[in-house]
Every structure is written in C-alpha cells, then in structure tokens.
Amino acid sequence: MHPTRLALLATLLFANFANVFAADAATPSAKTELFNGKDTVGWVVFPEATSKDTWSIKDGLLTCTGKPNGFLRTEKSYKQYKFTVEWRFTKPGNTGVIVHMTPPDAIWPKSIECQGMHDRQGDFYFWNGATVKDGTELKDKKSGKIRGYRIGRPVADAEKPVGEWNTFTTICDKDTVTIIVNGKEVNKATGANPTEGFIGLQVEGAAFEVKRCTLEPL
C-alpha cells in the first residue's frame, strides 16, 4: 500500500477508535472499590512487560516499586466522578494520579496529572495535547514547542510525613478538576480538556503502597 494511503488509513482508524472510547466513558452511579485487595483485575499495566517487577499485592496492599516509568490505569473510561486513593510512601519520590487519560497508552499520554510527588502534592500538569485555562506553558528547551501546561499548588502542603497514610482525592466535574489532600482542597483547575478518560496511578521513581482506590458519583 502506498505510504500516503497507509498513513490516512491509520489516521481514520485511530479517529474511529477515539470516538468509540469517548462514547464508552461511564458516569459512576454508586460507590465502587476499584482495587479488590487481591489482584489488579480491572486495571491495565503500562508498560505491560514490567507488570511483575513494578506491581505486586502483599497483605491486601498494592505495592509499587517506582520503576520503570509508566502507570497502572483502569480498563474503563470515566467522567463526572470523585476518585480517592489511600497511599503512603515507602521511598519518597515522584508519582501522581492521572485522570482523563486518552489512548494510545504512552509515556506520557494525553492526560491531566494530579501531582502526587513528595512535598509537591497538589500541582497540576497537562500533557501532550491536554489544555487548561490559565495554565503556565511548559516548552521544550530545544524546539521551543509547548509540551504541556502547569498550575502550581497555591496553598500550603497538606501531605503527611513519609510512611504515614495519605488520602488523595480528585474530583472531576465537567471541565473542572479539584485536588483534595487529607481533607484539604489544595488546587483547582478550570477550563480543562479532555473531560473524560482512564484513571491511572503514575510510576515515576517513588515506591509506595496503596490501601484503597475508591470511585464515587458526584
């Protein structure tokens, strides 16, 4: 097949897949535990080849080694929800809750990162085509192209000391995303796009344990 036609076919196939993906985004109707304490059923590991080395279950806890970079994301796409993860660092570093993740899986996909990094919990990053009102542009140093946008946490840190359990809540209401850490609202972004997608736990250096992942309707 001619390269031009092949590229066009790939574009059309991806566009069709994206439309189906958007149509399938579910709005939760009841409180649901997404982690069952036994395995990762209902979740997708990316990169898949790292699944056994990165994620494990021990004593009912989901354990992440922090490497290599990637994520654990839901199989299903969601919109209009409240997502809460209860987690603690065993080795402080960088992680986060990723919302509105859009196919294809990549490092990093079009998505909104709700920063979970130690001492920076509550920042926002909008990656690879995700946009937001009043965000600060993040440009590639070499090309000058915009890589994403950032909204820094405007209030004091609400994170607990390393080793203690933190409750990290993300509220996704249409084009508004709110981050609540241990009961305190620490950041809010408006005019966000996309407004639906997969939910993920980011792997980027920090080792941590997860007790619970709870999805609720607004």
N, C-alpha and C. Protein backbone atom coordinates (compact mmCIF):
# COMPACT_ATOMS: atom_id res chain seq x y z
N MET A 1 0.85 -1.19 0.00
CA MET A 1 0.00 0.00 0.00
C MET A 1 0.89 1.25 0.00
N HIS A 2 0.49 2.26 -0.75
CA HIS A 2 1.24 3.50 -0.81
C HIS A 2 1.33 4.12 0.58
N PRO A 3 2.50 4.66 0.96
CA PRO A 3 2.68 5.22 2.30
C PRO A 3 1.63 6.28 2.67
N THR A 4 1.24 7.10 1.69
CA THR A 4 0.25 8.15 1.97
C THR A 4 -1.09 7.55 2.33
N ARG A 5 -1.49 6.51 1.59
CA ARG A 5 -2.76 5.85 1.87
C ARG A 5 -2.70 5.12 3.20
N LEU A 6 -1.55 4.52 3.51
CA LEU A 6 -1.38 3.81 4.77
C LEU A 6 -1.52 4.77 5.95
N ALA A 7 -0.91 5.95 5.82
CA ALA A 7 -0.99 6.95 6.88
C ALA A 7 -2.42 7.44 7.06
N LEU A 8 -3.13 7.62 5.94
CA LEU A 8 -4.52 8.07 6.00
C LEU A 8 -5.39 7.02 6.68
N LEU A 9 -5.16 5.74 6.34
CA LEU A 9 -5.93 4.66 6.94
C LEU A 9 -5.69 4.60 8.45
N ALA A 10 -4.43 4.76 8.86
CA ALA A 10 -4.10 4.74 10.29
C ALA A 10 -4.79 5.88 11.02
N THR A 11 -4.83 7.05 10.39
CA THR A 11 -5.48 8.22 10.98
C THR A 11 -6.96 7.98 11.17
N LEU A 12 -7.60 7.41 10.14
CA LEU A 12 -9.03 7.14 10.20
C LEU A 12 -9.36 6.09 11.26
N LEU A 13 -8.52 5.06 11.34
CA LEU A 13 -8.75 4.00 12.33
C LEU A 13 -8.63 4.55 13.74
N PHE A 14 -7.60 5.39 13.97
CA PHE A 14 -7.43 5.95 15.31
C PHE A 14 -8.57 6.89 15.66
N ALA A 15 -9.02 7.69 14.68
CA ALA A 15 -10.13 8.62 14.92
C ALA A 15 -11.39 7.85 15.30
N ASN A 16 -11.62 6.72 14.61
CA ASN A 16 -12.80 5.90 14.91
C ASN A 16 -12.69 5.30 16.31
N PHE A 17 -11.47 4.83 16.66
CA PHE A 17 -11.25 4.26 17.99
C PHE A 17 -11.48 5.32 19.07
N ALA A 18 -10.98 6.54 18.84
CA ALA A 18 -11.13 7.62 19.82
C ALA A 18 -12.60 7.96 20.03
N ASN A 19 -13.38 7.93 18.94
CA ASN A 19 -14.81 8.23 19.06
C ASN A 19 -15.52 7.17 19.90
N VAL A 20 -15.18 5.90 19.67
CA VAL A 20 -15.77 4.81 20.45
C VAL A 20 -15.37 4.93 21.91
N PHE A 21 -14.10 5.25 22.14
CA PHE A 21 -13.58 5.44 23.50
C PHE A 21 -14.37 6.51 24.23
N ALA A 22 -14.61 7.66 23.57
CA ALA A 22 -15.33 8.76 24.18
C ALA A 22 -16.77 8.37 24.49
N ALA A 23 -17.39 7.61 23.60
CA ALA A 23 -18.78 7.22 23.80
C ALA A 23 -18.94 6.25 24.96
N ASP A 24 -17.86 5.52 25.28
CA ASP A 24 -17.92 4.50 26.32
C ASP A 24 -17.61 5.02 27.72
N ALA A 25 -17.25 6.30 27.87
CA ALA A 25 -16.93 6.84 29.19
C ALA A 25 -18.13 6.72 30.11
N ALA A 26 -17.93 6.08 31.27
CA ALA A 26 -19.02 5.81 32.19
C ALA A 26 -19.09 6.85 33.30
N THR A 27 -20.31 7.18 33.71
CA THR A 27 -20.55 8.05 34.85
C THR A 27 -20.93 7.15 36.03
N PRO A 28 -20.15 7.11 37.10
CA PRO A 28 -20.45 6.21 38.23
C PRO A 28 -21.83 6.52 38.83
N SER A 29 -22.53 5.46 39.20
CA SER A 29 -23.85 5.62 39.82
C SER A 29 -23.84 5.20 41.29
N ALA A 30 -22.73 4.57 41.72
CA ALA A 30 -22.61 4.12 43.11
C ALA A 30 -21.15 4.06 43.51
N LYS A 31 -20.90 4.09 44.80
CA LYS A 31 -19.54 4.00 45.31
C LYS A 31 -18.97 2.63 45.01
N THR A 32 -17.76 2.59 44.43
CA THR A 32 -17.15 1.33 44.00
C THR A 32 -15.68 1.30 44.38
N GLU A 33 -15.23 0.17 44.91
CA GLU A 33 -13.81 -0.02 45.20
C GLU A 33 -13.16 -0.60 43.94
N LEU A 34 -12.22 0.13 43.36
CA LEU A 34 -11.58 -0.33 42.13
C LEU A 34 -10.42 -1.30 42.39
N PHE A 35 -9.89 -1.31 43.60
CA PHE A 35 -8.85 -2.26 43.99
C PHE A 35 -9.45 -3.25 44.98
N ASN A 36 -9.40 -4.54 44.64
CA ASN A 36 -10.07 -5.56 45.45
C ASN A 36 -9.20 -6.15 46.55
N GLY A 37 -7.96 -5.71 46.67
CA GLY A 37 -7.08 -6.21 47.72
C GLY A 37 -6.43 -7.54 47.41
N LYS A 38 -6.73 -8.11 46.23
CA LYS A 38 -6.21 -9.43 45.88
C LYS A 38 -5.37 -9.44 44.60
N ASP A 39 -5.79 -8.64 43.61
CA ASP A 39 -5.09 -8.63 42.33
C ASP A 39 -5.40 -7.32 41.61
N THR A 40 -4.96 -7.21 40.36
CA THR A 40 -5.17 -5.98 39.60
C THR A 40 -6.24 -6.17 38.51
N VAL A 41 -7.21 -7.01 38.79
CA VAL A 41 -8.34 -7.17 37.85
C VAL A 41 -9.03 -5.82 37.68
N GLY A 42 -9.31 -5.45 36.44
CA GLY A 42 -9.93 -4.16 36.15
C GLY A 42 -8.93 -3.06 35.83
N TRP A 43 -7.63 -3.42 35.90
CA TRP A 43 -6.58 -2.44 35.66
C TRP A 43 -5.66 -2.92 34.52
N VAL A 44 -4.98 -1.99 33.89
CA VAL A 44 -4.02 -2.27 32.84
C VAL A 44 -2.66 -1.71 33.25
N VAL A 45 -1.61 -2.53 33.17
CA VAL A 45 -0.25 -2.09 33.48
C VAL A 45 0.43 -1.64 32.20
N PHE A 46 1.05 -0.46 32.26
CA PHE A 46 1.85 0.01 31.11
C PHE A 46 3.19 0.52 31.63
N PRO A 47 4.32 0.08 31.05
CA PRO A 47 4.43 -0.95 30.02
C PRO A 47 4.08 -2.34 30.56
N GLU A 48 3.41 -3.14 29.76
CA GLU A 48 2.92 -4.45 30.20
C GLU A 48 4.05 -5.37 30.63
N ALA A 49 5.20 -5.29 29.95
CA ALA A 49 6.31 -6.20 30.24
C ALA A 49 6.88 -6.00 31.64
N THR A 50 6.54 -4.87 32.29
CA THR A 50 7.11 -4.58 33.61
C THR A 50 6.18 -4.96 34.75
N SER A 51 5.03 -5.54 34.43
CA SER A 51 3.97 -5.73 35.43
C SER A 51 4.44 -6.47 36.68
N LYS A 52 5.18 -7.57 36.52
CA LYS A 52 5.59 -8.37 37.68
C LYS A 52 6.67 -7.67 38.49
N ASP A 53 7.49 -6.86 37.83
CA ASP A 53 8.58 -6.18 38.52
C ASP A 53 8.13 -4.91 39.22
N THR A 54 7.05 -4.29 38.72
CA THR A 54 6.63 -2.99 39.23
C THR A 54 5.54 -3.08 40.29
N TRP A 55 4.55 -3.95 40.05
CA TRP A 55 3.37 -4.01 40.90
C TRP A 55 3.21 -5.39 41.53
N SER A 56 2.84 -5.42 42.81
CA SER A 56 2.58 -6.68 43.49
C SER A 56 1.55 -6.46 44.58
N ILE A 57 0.98 -7.55 45.07
CA ILE A 57 -0.01 -7.49 46.15
C ILE A 57 0.57 -8.22 47.36
N LYS A 58 0.56 -7.55 48.53
CA LYS A 58 1.06 -8.18 49.74
C LYS A 58 0.23 -7.70 50.92
N ASP A 59 -0.33 -8.65 51.66
CA ASP A 59 -1.15 -8.34 52.84
C ASP A 59 -2.27 -7.37 52.51
N GLY A 60 -2.88 -7.55 51.33
CA GLY A 60 -4.01 -6.73 50.94
C GLY A 60 -3.65 -5.35 50.43
N LEU A 61 -2.35 -5.07 50.29
CA LEU A 61 -1.90 -3.77 49.80
C LEU A 61 -1.32 -3.90 48.40
N LEU A 62 -1.57 -2.89 47.57
CA LEU A 62 -0.99 -2.80 46.24
C LEU A 62 0.34 -2.08 46.37
N THR A 63 1.42 -2.75 45.97
CA THR A 63 2.76 -2.21 46.17
C THR A 63 3.42 -1.87 44.84
N CYS A 64 4.01 -0.68 44.78
CA CYS A 64 4.70 -0.21 43.58
C CYS A 64 6.17 0.03 43.91
N THR A 65 7.07 -0.48 43.05
CA THR A 65 8.50 -0.30 43.27
C THR A 65 8.99 1.07 42.82
N GLY A 66 8.23 1.73 41.94
CA GLY A 66 8.62 3.05 41.46
C GLY A 66 9.38 3.06 40.15
N LYS A 67 9.63 1.89 39.57
CA LYS A 67 10.35 1.83 38.30
C LYS A 67 9.97 0.58 37.54
N PRO A 68 10.09 0.62 36.21
CA PRO A 68 10.41 1.77 35.35
C PRO A 68 9.21 2.69 35.21
N ASN A 69 9.40 3.85 34.57
CA ASN A 69 8.31 4.80 34.39
C ASN A 69 7.13 4.16 33.66
N GLY A 70 5.93 4.53 34.08
CA GLY A 70 4.72 4.00 33.45
C GLY A 70 3.53 4.29 34.33
N PHE A 71 2.55 3.42 34.28
CA PHE A 71 1.35 3.62 35.10
C PHE A 71 0.51 2.36 35.18
N LEU A 72 -0.39 2.38 36.15
CA LEU A 72 -1.44 1.38 36.27
C LEU A 72 -2.73 2.16 36.05
N ARG A 73 -3.50 1.78 35.04
CA ARG A 73 -4.72 2.54 34.72
C ARG A 73 -5.95 1.64 34.69
N THR A 74 -7.10 2.25 34.83
CA THR A 74 -8.35 1.50 34.77
C THR A 74 -8.59 1.00 33.34
N GLU A 75 -9.26 -0.15 33.24
CA GLU A 75 -9.65 -0.65 31.92
C GLU A 75 -10.75 0.22 31.32
N LYS A 76 -11.60 0.76 32.18
CA LYS A 76 -12.73 1.55 31.73
C LYS A 76 -12.42 3.04 31.77
N SER A 77 -13.13 3.78 30.93
CA SER A 77 -13.03 5.22 30.88
C SER A 77 -14.16 5.83 31.71
N TYR A 78 -13.87 6.94 32.41
CA TYR A 78 -14.88 7.53 33.29
C TYR A 78 -15.01 9.04 33.09
N LYS A 79 -16.15 9.56 33.51
CA LYS A 79 -16.38 11.01 33.54
C LYS A 79 -17.30 11.32 34.71
N GLN A 80 -17.27 12.57 35.17
CA GLN A 80 -18.13 13.03 36.26
C GLN A 80 -18.00 12.13 37.49
N TYR A 81 -16.90 12.25 38.20
CA TYR A 81 -16.67 11.33 39.32
C TYR A 81 -15.77 11.95 40.39
N LYS A 82 -15.69 11.23 41.50
CA LYS A 82 -14.77 11.53 42.59
C LYS A 82 -13.91 10.28 42.78
N PHE A 83 -12.60 10.43 42.71
CA PHE A 83 -11.70 9.30 42.85
C PHE A 83 -10.78 9.56 44.04
N THR A 84 -10.71 8.58 44.96
CA THR A 84 -9.87 8.72 46.14
C THR A 84 -8.91 7.54 46.26
N VAL A 85 -7.63 7.85 46.41
CA VAL A 85 -6.64 6.81 46.66
C VAL A 85 -6.05 7.04 48.04
N GLU A 86 -5.93 5.96 48.81
CA GLU A 86 -5.26 6.00 50.10
C GLU A 86 -3.90 5.33 49.92
N TRP A 87 -2.84 6.09 50.09
CA TRP A 87 -1.50 5.58 49.81
C TRP A 87 -0.49 6.16 50.78
N ARG A 88 0.69 5.51 50.79
CA ARG A 88 1.79 6.02 51.61
C ARG A 88 3.12 5.70 50.92
N PHE A 89 4.08 6.58 51.09
CA PHE A 89 5.41 6.37 50.53
C PHE A 89 6.19 5.37 51.38
N THR A 90 6.88 4.44 50.71
CA THR A 90 7.89 3.62 51.37
C THR A 90 9.28 4.12 50.97
N LYS A 91 9.32 4.83 49.85
CA LYS A 91 10.51 5.55 49.41
C LYS A 91 10.00 6.82 48.73
N PRO A 92 10.22 8.00 49.32
CA PRO A 92 9.67 9.23 48.74
C PRO A 92 10.25 9.53 47.37
N GLY A 93 9.43 10.14 46.55
CA GLY A 93 9.83 10.48 45.19
C GLY A 93 8.64 11.00 44.42
N ASN A 94 8.60 10.68 43.13
CA ASN A 94 7.57 11.22 42.25
C ASN A 94 6.53 10.17 41.87
N THR A 95 5.27 10.55 41.96
CA THR A 95 4.15 9.74 41.49
C THR A 95 2.99 10.69 41.26
N GLY A 96 1.80 10.16 41.04
CA GLY A 96 0.64 11.02 40.85
C GLY A 96 -0.58 10.23 40.44
N VAL A 97 -1.72 10.90 40.48
CA VAL A 97 -2.95 10.35 39.95
C VAL A 97 -3.18 11.00 38.59
N ILE A 98 -3.36 10.18 37.57
CA ILE A 98 -3.58 10.70 36.23
C ILE A 98 -5.04 10.51 35.86
N VAL A 99 -5.69 11.57 35.42
CA VAL A 99 -7.10 11.49 35.04
C VAL A 99 -7.27 11.89 33.57
N HIS A 100 -8.41 11.49 33.04
CA HIS A 100 -8.77 11.81 31.65
C HIS A 100 -7.69 11.36 30.66
N MET A 101 -7.12 10.18 30.94
CA MET A 101 -6.11 9.62 30.03
C MET A 101 -6.76 9.19 28.73
N THR A 102 -6.12 9.56 27.62
CA THR A 102 -6.67 9.30 26.29
C THR A 102 -5.75 8.35 25.53
N PRO A 103 -6.29 7.35 24.82
CA PRO A 103 -5.44 6.44 24.04
C PRO A 103 -4.67 7.21 22.96
N PRO A 104 -3.53 6.64 22.53
CA PRO A 104 -2.96 5.35 22.95
C PRO A 104 -2.12 5.48 24.20
N ASP A 105 -1.89 4.34 24.91
CA ASP A 105 -1.00 4.33 26.06
C ASP A 105 0.40 4.74 25.62
N ALA A 106 1.04 5.57 26.42
CA ALA A 106 2.39 6.05 26.11
C ALA A 106 2.97 6.65 27.37
N ILE A 107 4.24 6.99 27.32
CA ILE A 107 4.88 7.73 28.41
C ILE A 107 5.30 9.09 27.84
N TRP A 108 4.49 10.13 28.05
CA TRP A 108 3.21 10.10 28.78
C TRP A 108 2.06 10.37 27.81
N PRO A 109 0.84 9.85 28.11
CA PRO A 109 -0.29 10.03 27.20
C PRO A 109 -0.91 11.41 27.36
N LYS A 110 -1.81 11.75 26.44
CA LYS A 110 -2.63 12.95 26.61
C LYS A 110 -3.44 12.74 27.88
N SER A 111 -3.24 13.61 28.86
CA SER A 111 -3.83 13.37 30.18
C SER A 111 -3.62 14.56 31.10
N ILE A 112 -4.26 14.50 32.26
CA ILE A 112 -4.08 15.51 33.30
C ILE A 112 -3.45 14.82 34.50
N GLU A 113 -2.27 15.27 34.88
CA GLU A 113 -1.57 14.70 36.02
C GLU A 113 -1.87 15.52 37.27
N CYS A 114 -2.42 14.85 38.27
CA CYS A 114 -2.63 15.45 39.58
C CYS A 114 -1.42 15.03 40.42
N GLN A 115 -0.51 15.94 40.62
CA GLN A 115 0.80 15.63 41.16
C GLN A 115 0.73 15.00 42.56
N GLY A 116 1.43 13.85 42.69
CA GLY A 116 1.50 13.18 43.98
C GLY A 116 2.91 13.13 44.52
N MET A 117 3.81 13.86 43.88
CA MET A 117 5.22 13.87 44.28
C MET A 117 5.38 14.33 45.73
N HIS A 118 6.30 13.70 46.46
CA HIS A 118 6.56 14.08 47.84
C HIS A 118 6.90 15.56 47.93
N ASP A 119 6.21 16.27 48.80
CA ASP A 119 6.36 17.71 49.05
C ASP A 119 5.75 18.59 47.96
N ARG A 120 5.19 17.99 46.90
CA ARG A 120 4.55 18.79 45.85
C ARG A 120 3.14 18.30 45.54
N GLN A 121 2.54 17.55 46.42
CA GLN A 121 1.21 17.02 46.14
C GLN A 121 0.21 18.16 45.96
N GLY A 122 -0.47 18.12 44.79
CA GLY A 122 -1.47 19.13 44.51
C GLY A 122 -1.18 19.98 43.29
N ASP A 123 0.03 19.91 42.73
CA ASP A 123 0.30 20.59 41.46
C ASP A 123 -0.48 19.91 40.34
N PHE A 124 -0.68 20.63 39.23
CA PHE A 124 -1.31 20.07 38.03
C PHE A 124 -0.33 20.12 36.86
N TYR A 125 -0.36 19.07 36.03
CA TYR A 125 0.36 19.07 34.76
C TYR A 125 -0.59 18.56 33.67
N PHE A 126 -0.58 19.23 32.54
CA PHE A 126 -1.44 18.87 31.41
C PHE A 126 -0.53 18.50 30.25
N TRP A 127 -0.58 17.21 29.86
CA TRP A 127 0.41 16.68 28.94
C TRP A 127 -0.13 16.33 27.56
N ASN A 128 0.74 16.53 26.56
CA ASN A 128 0.55 16.00 25.20
C ASN A 128 -0.82 16.30 24.58
N GLY A 129 -1.19 17.57 24.61
CA GLY A 129 -2.44 17.98 23.97
C GLY A 129 -3.55 18.32 24.94
N ALA A 130 -3.40 17.93 26.21
CA ALA A 130 -4.37 18.33 27.23
C ALA A 130 -4.16 19.83 27.50
N THR A 131 -5.24 20.56 27.67
CA THR A 131 -5.14 22.00 27.85
C THR A 131 -5.94 22.45 29.08
N VAL A 132 -5.69 23.69 29.49
CA VAL A 132 -6.38 24.23 30.66
C VAL A 132 -6.37 25.75 30.60
N LYS A 133 -7.36 26.35 31.18
CA LYS A 133 -7.43 27.80 31.28
C LYS A 133 -6.40 28.29 32.29
N ASP A 134 -5.66 29.33 31.93
CA ASP A 134 -4.71 29.99 32.83
C ASP A 134 -3.55 29.11 33.29
N GLY A 135 -3.18 28.11 32.50
CA GLY A 135 -2.02 27.31 32.84
C GLY A 135 -0.73 27.95 32.34
N THR A 136 0.38 27.64 32.99
CA THR A 136 1.69 28.12 32.56
C THR A 136 2.26 27.17 31.52
N GLU A 137 2.69 27.70 30.39
CA GLU A 137 3.21 26.86 29.31
C GLU A 137 4.52 26.20 29.71
N LEU A 138 4.66 24.93 29.32
CA LEU A 138 5.90 24.18 29.51
C LEU A 138 6.47 23.92 28.12
N LYS A 139 7.61 24.50 27.80
CA LYS A 139 8.16 24.41 26.45
C LYS A 139 9.40 23.52 26.42
N ASP A 140 9.55 22.82 25.30
CA ASP A 140 10.74 22.02 25.07
C ASP A 140 11.93 22.96 24.90
N LYS A 141 13.01 22.67 25.61
CA LYS A 141 14.16 23.57 25.59
C LYS A 141 14.83 23.66 24.22
N LYS A 142 14.79 22.58 23.45
CA LYS A 142 15.44 22.58 22.15
C LYS A 142 14.55 23.15 21.04
N SER A 143 13.33 22.64 20.95
CA SER A 143 12.45 23.03 19.85
C SER A 143 11.61 24.27 20.15
N GLY A 144 11.39 24.53 21.43
CA GLY A 144 10.53 25.65 21.79
C GLY A 144 9.06 25.32 21.72
N LYS A 145 8.73 24.09 21.35
CA LYS A 145 7.33 23.69 21.25
C LYS A 145 6.72 23.48 22.64
N ILE A 146 5.42 23.72 22.74
CA ILE A 146 4.73 23.55 24.01
C ILE A 146 4.53 22.07 24.30
N ARG A 147 5.05 21.59 25.43
CA ARG A 147 4.90 20.19 25.84
C ARG A 147 3.67 19.99 26.70
N GLY A 148 3.25 21.05 27.38
CA GLY A 148 2.11 20.94 28.28
C GLY A 148 1.90 22.23 29.05
N TYR A 149 1.14 22.11 30.13
CA TYR A 149 0.83 23.27 30.97
C TYR A 149 0.92 22.87 32.44
N ARG A 150 1.17 23.85 33.28
CA ARG A 150 1.30 23.59 34.71
C ARG A 150 0.49 24.60 35.51
N ILE A 151 -0.13 24.14 36.58
CA ILE A 151 -0.74 25.02 37.56
C ILE A 151 -0.20 24.60 38.93
N GLY A 152 0.62 25.43 39.52
CA GLY A 152 1.22 25.10 40.81
C GLY A 152 0.23 25.18 41.95
N ARG A 153 0.48 24.40 42.96
CA ARG A 153 -0.37 24.41 44.16
C ARG A 153 -0.29 25.78 44.84
N PRO A 154 -1.42 26.46 45.02
CA PRO A 154 -1.39 27.82 45.57
C PRO A 154 -1.43 27.89 47.09
N VAL A 155 -1.57 26.76 47.76
CA VAL A 155 -1.69 26.77 49.22
C VAL A 155 -0.62 25.89 49.85
N ALA A 156 -0.55 25.91 51.17
CA ALA A 156 0.45 25.14 51.91
C ALA A 156 0.26 23.64 51.72
N ASP A 157 1.34 22.91 51.88
CA ASP A 157 1.35 21.46 51.75
C ASP A 157 0.43 20.81 52.80
N ALA A 158 -0.34 19.80 52.38
CA ALA A 158 -1.22 19.07 53.32
C ALA A 158 -0.80 17.61 53.45
N GLU A 159 0.34 17.25 52.87
CA GLU A 159 0.82 15.87 52.90
C GLU A 159 1.33 15.50 54.29
N LYS A 160 1.12 14.24 54.67
CA LYS A 160 1.63 13.72 55.94
C LYS A 160 3.07 13.23 55.77
N PRO A 161 3.79 13.03 56.86
CA PRO A 161 5.18 12.56 56.77
C PRO A 161 5.30 11.22 56.04
N VAL A 162 6.46 10.99 55.46
CA VAL A 162 6.72 9.74 54.76
C VAL A 162 6.46 8.55 55.68
N GLY A 163 5.74 7.56 55.14
CA GLY A 163 5.41 6.37 55.91
C GLY A 163 4.01 6.39 56.48
N GLU A 164 3.39 7.57 56.55
CA GLU A 164 2.02 7.68 57.03
C GLU A 164 1.05 7.66 55.85
N TRP A 165 -0.17 7.22 56.12
CA TRP A 165 -1.18 7.12 55.08
C TRP A 165 -1.74 8.50 54.72
N ASN A 166 -1.83 8.76 53.42
CA ASN A 166 -2.43 9.98 52.89
C ASN A 166 -3.70 9.64 52.10
N THR A 167 -4.67 10.51 52.18
CA THR A 167 -5.89 10.39 51.39
C THR A 167 -5.85 11.46 50.31
N PHE A 168 -5.79 11.03 49.05
CA PHE A 168 -5.64 11.94 47.91
C PHE A 168 -6.89 11.81 47.04
N THR A 169 -7.67 12.88 46.96
CA THR A 169 -8.95 12.85 46.24
C THR A 169 -8.91 13.78 45.04
N THR A 170 -9.40 13.26 43.91
CA THR A 170 -9.53 14.06 42.70
C THR A 170 -11.00 14.10 42.31
N ILE A 171 -11.55 15.30 42.18
CA ILE A 171 -12.94 15.47 41.78
C ILE A 171 -12.97 16.01 40.35
N CYS A 172 -13.58 15.24 39.45
CA CYS A 172 -13.65 15.61 38.05
C CYS A 172 -15.10 15.94 37.70
N ASP A 173 -15.38 17.22 37.54
CA ASP A 173 -16.73 17.72 37.27
C ASP A 173 -16.70 18.54 35.99
N LYS A 174 -17.09 17.90 34.88
CA LYS A 174 -17.05 18.53 33.55
C LYS A 174 -15.63 19.02 33.28
N ASP A 175 -15.42 20.34 33.08
CA ASP A 175 -14.08 20.81 32.76
C ASP A 175 -13.33 21.36 33.97
N THR A 176 -13.78 20.97 35.17
CA THR A 176 -13.12 21.40 36.40
C THR A 176 -12.56 20.19 37.14
N VAL A 177 -11.30 20.27 37.54
CA VAL A 177 -10.66 19.20 38.31
C VAL A 177 -10.16 19.80 39.62
N THR A 178 -10.52 19.17 40.74
CA THR A 178 -10.14 19.65 42.06
C THR A 178 -9.33 18.58 42.78
N ILE A 179 -8.28 19.00 43.47
CA ILE A 179 -7.44 18.07 44.24
C ILE A 179 -7.62 18.36 45.73
N ILE A 180 -7.90 17.32 46.50
CA ILE A 180 -8.06 17.42 47.94
C ILE A 180 -7.08 16.44 48.59
N VAL A 181 -6.20 16.95 49.45
CA VAL A 181 -5.21 16.11 50.13
C VAL A 181 -5.51 16.11 51.63
N ASN A 182 -5.80 14.93 52.15
CA ASN A 182 -6.11 14.76 53.57
C ASN A 182 -7.20 15.73 54.04
N GLY A 183 -8.23 15.86 53.21
CA GLY A 183 -9.39 16.67 53.57
C GLY A 183 -9.26 18.15 53.26
N LYS A 184 -8.11 18.58 52.74
CA LYS A 184 -7.90 19.99 52.44
C LYS A 184 -7.82 20.21 50.94
N GLU A 185 -8.65 21.14 50.40
CA GLU A 185 -8.57 21.48 48.98
C GLU A 185 -7.27 22.25 48.74
N VAL A 186 -6.43 21.70 47.85
CA VAL A 186 -5.12 22.32 47.62
C VAL A 186 -4.97 22.92 46.23
N ASN A 187 -5.86 22.54 45.28
CA ASN A 187 -5.76 23.12 43.95
C ASN A 187 -7.03 22.84 43.16
N LYS A 188 -7.29 23.72 42.19
CA LYS A 188 -8.45 23.54 41.32
C LYS A 188 -8.11 24.11 39.94
N ALA A 189 -8.43 23.35 38.90
CA ALA A 189 -8.20 23.78 37.53
C ALA A 189 -9.54 23.86 36.80
N THR A 190 -9.75 24.95 36.08
CA THR A 190 -10.98 25.11 35.30
C THR A 190 -10.64 25.26 33.83
N GLY A 191 -11.62 24.95 33.00
CA GLY A 191 -11.39 25.02 31.56
C GLY A 191 -10.47 23.92 31.07
N ALA A 192 -10.52 22.76 31.75
CA ALA A 192 -9.64 21.63 31.40
C ALA A 192 -10.21 20.82 30.24
N ASN A 193 -9.33 20.32 29.42
CA ASN A 193 -9.69 19.45 28.30
C ASN A 193 -8.56 18.43 28.10
N PRO A 194 -8.87 17.11 28.04
CA PRO A 194 -10.19 16.47 27.94
C PRO A 194 -10.93 16.45 29.27
N THR A 195 -12.17 15.95 29.22
CA THR A 195 -13.02 15.91 30.40
C THR A 195 -13.45 14.50 30.77
N GLU A 196 -12.82 13.51 30.17
CA GLU A 196 -13.12 12.11 30.49
C GLU A 196 -11.96 11.24 30.04
N GLY A 197 -11.92 10.01 30.57
CA GLY A 197 -10.85 9.11 30.18
C GLY A 197 -10.51 8.11 31.27
N PHE A 198 -9.40 7.40 31.08
CA PHE A 198 -8.95 6.44 32.07
C PHE A 198 -8.44 7.16 33.31
N ILE A 199 -8.39 6.43 34.42
CA ILE A 199 -7.79 6.91 35.66
C ILE A 199 -6.54 6.08 35.93
N GLY A 200 -5.44 6.72 36.28
CA GLY A 200 -4.21 5.97 36.46
C GLY A 200 -3.41 6.37 37.69
N LEU A 201 -2.57 5.44 38.15
CA LEU A 201 -1.58 5.70 39.20
C LEU A 201 -0.22 5.72 38.52
N GLN A 202 0.50 6.81 38.68
CA GLN A 202 1.74 7.02 37.95
C GLN A 202 2.93 6.36 38.63
N VAL A 203 3.80 5.78 37.81
CA VAL A 203 5.07 5.23 38.28
C VAL A 203 6.18 6.14 37.77
N GLU A 204 6.88 6.82 38.68
CA GLU A 204 7.94 7.73 38.25
C GLU A 204 8.98 7.94 39.36
N GLY A 205 9.40 6.83 39.97
CA GLY A 205 10.50 6.91 40.92
C GLY A 205 10.15 6.61 42.36
N ALA A 206 8.97 7.02 42.81
CA ALA A 206 8.60 6.80 44.21
C ALA A 206 8.13 5.36 44.43
N ALA A 207 8.51 4.78 45.54
CA ALA A 207 7.97 3.48 45.95
C ALA A 207 6.85 3.76 46.95
N PHE A 208 5.70 3.11 46.74
CA PHE A 208 4.57 3.40 47.60
C PHE A 208 3.63 2.20 47.70
N GLU A 209 2.74 2.26 48.68
CA GLU A 209 1.72 1.24 48.89
C GLU A 209 0.34 1.89 48.80
N VAL A 210 -0.61 1.13 48.28
CA VAL A 210 -1.98 1.62 48.13
C VAL A 210 -2.91 0.71 48.92
N LYS A 211 -3.73 1.34 49.76
CA LYS A 211 -4.68 0.60 50.56
C LYS A 211 -6.05 0.50 49.87
N ARG A 212 -6.43 1.60 49.20
CA ARG A 212 -7.78 1.67 48.64
C ARG A 212 -7.83 2.62 47.46
N CYS A 213 -8.63 2.27 46.44
CA CYS A 213 -8.92 3.14 45.31
C CYS A 213 -10.43 3.18 45.15
N THR A 214 -11.04 4.30 45.49
CA THR A 214 -12.49 4.40 45.56
C THR A 214 -13.04 5.35 44.53
N LEU A 215 -13.99 4.89 43.75
CA LEU A 215 -14.66 5.71 42.74
C LEU A 215 -16.09 5.99 43.22
N GLU A 216 -16.50 7.27 43.16
CA GLU A 216 -17.83 7.65 43.63
C GLU A 216 -18.49 8.62 42.65
N PRO A 217 -19.81 8.63 42.62
CA PRO A 217 -20.51 9.63 41.82
C PRO A 217 -20.41 10.99 42.50
N LEU A 218 -20.56 12.05 41.75
CA LEU A 218 -20.54 13.39 42.34
C LEU A 218 -21.80 13.64 43.12
